[in-house]
Amino acid sequence: MKAGGRVSVISLDDASFLEELRARGADVVVNRRRVGSDVLFWAVEDRRALSRLRTHRQFVSPRGALWVVWPKGSRDVNENDVREAALDAGLVDVKVVSFSDVLSALKLVTRLADRPA
């Protein structure tokens, strides 16, 4: 995260993560979306929540990223669920990570063909 980066964090209750973002100089808002976010981190507990992905996408700049975070080993949501919802929302996945000991995350971006020139 670059200093001054606009970050929205939704439903992700992780004080050390927020502290780390702020220590890097990010401009962070918690539990609300900000238009033109460079990065939006969103924690989900089940696949039903993924229906809101298209709405969240509208708050991320065209060259920004949306990270969907979910509990590792969950039966209620997994990487394939997130990837499928992303494609439906016009996003593609570019990276999967172990976000923490208990959370996984998938980084989603707007397709190159859909970004402004």
Protein backbone atom coordinates (compact mmCIF):
# COMPACT_ATOMS: atom_id res chain seq x y z
CA MET A 1 0.00 0.00 0.00
CA LYS A 2 1.37 3.38 -0.98
CA ALA A 3 1.27 6.40 1.29
CA GLY A 4 -1.94 8.34 0.69
CA GLY A 5 -3.69 5.36 -0.88
CA ARG A 6 -7.45 5.43 -0.39
CA VAL A 7 -8.51 2.24 1.37
CA SER A 8 -11.96 1.01 2.38
CA VAL A 9 -12.19 -1.86 4.86
CA ILE A 10 -15.58 -3.52 5.28
CA SER A 11 -16.55 -6.16 7.85
CA LEU A 12 -12.91 -7.00 8.58
CA ASP A 13 -12.34 -6.80 12.32
CA ASP A 14 -8.55 -6.96 12.51
CA ALA A 15 -7.00 -4.13 14.53
CA SER A 16 -3.41 -5.10 13.69
CA PHE A 17 -4.18 -5.07 9.96
CA LEU A 18 -5.75 -1.62 10.21
CA GLU A 19 -2.78 -0.40 12.22
CA GLU A 20 -0.41 -1.74 9.58
CA LEU A 21 -2.31 0.02 6.78
CA ARG A 22 -2.24 3.31 8.64
CA ALA A 23 1.46 2.92 9.50
CA ARG A 24 2.14 2.74 5.75
CA GLY A 25 0.39 6.07 5.31
CA ALA A 26 -2.87 4.77 3.83
CA ASP A 27 -5.99 6.89 4.14
CA VAL A 28 -8.28 4.26 5.67
CA VAL A 29 -12.04 4.27 6.25
CA VAL A 30 -13.65 1.40 8.14
CA ASN A 31 -17.07 -0.17 7.56
CA ARG A 32 -18.07 2.21 4.80
CA ARG A 33 -17.26 2.37 1.13
CA ARG A 34 -15.45 5.33 -0.36
CA VAL A 35 -15.89 6.29 -4.01
CA GLY A 36 -12.59 5.98 -5.85
CA SER A 37 -10.94 3.62 -3.38
CA ASP A 38 -7.57 2.36 -4.54
CA VAL A 39 -8.17 -0.80 -2.55
CA LEU A 40 -11.26 -2.21 -0.86
CA PHE A 41 -10.92 -5.09 1.61
CA TRP A 42 -14.17 -6.93 2.28
CA ALA A 43 -14.66 -9.88 4.63
CA VAL A 44 -17.47 -12.35 3.91
CA GLU A 45 -18.78 -15.25 5.97
CA ASP A 46 -20.88 -17.04 3.34
CA ARG A 47 -21.45 -17.18 -0.41
CA ARG A 48 -24.78 -15.32 -0.17
CA ALA A 49 -22.86 -12.15 0.73
CA LEU A 50 -21.05 -12.32 -2.60
CA SER A 51 -24.16 -10.97 -4.35
CA ARG A 52 -23.00 -7.52 -3.14
CA LEU A 53 -19.70 -7.78 -5.03
CA ARG A 54 -20.98 -5.85 -8.05
CA THR A 55 -22.04 -2.97 -5.78
CA HIS A 56 -18.70 -2.91 -3.96
CA ARG A 57 -16.92 -2.85 -7.32
CA GLN A 58 -18.51 0.52 -8.10
CA PHE A 59 -16.56 2.11 -5.23
CA VAL A 60 -13.13 0.96 -6.47
CA SER A 61 -11.19 3.00 -9.02
CA PRO A 62 -10.86 1.29 -12.44
CA ARG A 63 -7.18 0.54 -11.76
CA GLY A 64 -7.79 -0.40 -8.13
CA ALA A 65 -8.27 -3.76 -6.45
CA LEU A 66 -10.92 -5.42 -4.37
CA TRP A 67 -9.76 -8.06 -1.88
CA VAL A 68 -12.39 -10.56 -0.73
CA VAL A 69 -11.43 -12.19 2.57
CA TRP A 70 -13.09 -15.33 4.01
CA PRO A 71 -12.47 -17.90 6.77
CA LYS A 72 -10.05 -20.67 5.80
CA GLY A 73 -11.67 -24.07 5.46
CA SER A 74 -15.18 -22.62 5.46
CA ARG A 75 -18.00 -24.75 4.08
CA ASP A 76 -20.05 -21.59 3.58
CA VAL A 77 -17.72 -19.83 1.13
CA ASN A 78 -14.54 -20.75 -0.72
CA GLU A 79 -12.16 -19.53 -3.41
CA ASN A 80 -14.30 -20.94 -6.23
CA ASP A 81 -17.40 -19.13 -4.93
CA VAL A 82 -15.50 -15.84 -4.85
CA ARG A 83 -14.03 -16.39 -8.32
CA GLU A 84 -17.46 -17.17 -9.81
CA ALA A 85 -19.04 -14.08 -8.22
CA ALA A 86 -16.13 -11.98 -9.44
CA LEU A 87 -16.62 -13.05 -13.04
CA ASP A 88 -20.34 -12.25 -12.76
CA ALA A 89 -19.38 -8.78 -11.49
CA GLY A 90 -16.92 -8.14 -14.33
CA LEU A 91 -13.82 -8.76 -12.25
CA VAL A 92 -10.96 -11.22 -12.59
CA ASP A 93 -8.81 -12.76 -9.91
CA VAL A 94 -5.08 -12.12 -10.01
CA LYS A 95 -3.84 -13.45 -6.68
CA VAL A 96 -4.87 -15.72 -3.82
CA VAL A 97 -3.15 -15.37 -0.46
CA SER A 98 -3.17 -16.61 3.08
CA PHE A 99 -4.35 -13.37 4.66
CA SER A 100 -3.74 -14.63 8.20
CA ASP A 101 -3.71 -17.85 10.17
CA VAL A 102 -7.49 -18.03 9.88
CA LEU A 103 -8.33 -16.08 6.72
CA SER A 104 -7.77 -16.48 2.97
CA ALA A 105 -8.13 -13.71 0.40
CA LEU A 106 -8.52 -13.30 -3.34
CA LYS A 107 -7.44 -10.11 -5.13
CA LEU A 108 -9.86 -8.99 -7.83
CA VAL A 109 -9.37 -6.33 -10.50
CA THR A 110 -11.29 -4.91 -13.44
CA ARG A 111 -10.54 -6.69 -16.71
CA LEU A 112 -7.92 -4.86 -18.79
CA ALA A 113 -10.37 -4.55 -21.67
CA ASP A 114 -12.86 -2.77 -19.37
CA ARG A 115 -10.42 -0.20 -17.98
CA PRO A 116 -10.33 3.33 -19.39
CA ALA A 117 -7.46 4.12 -21.75
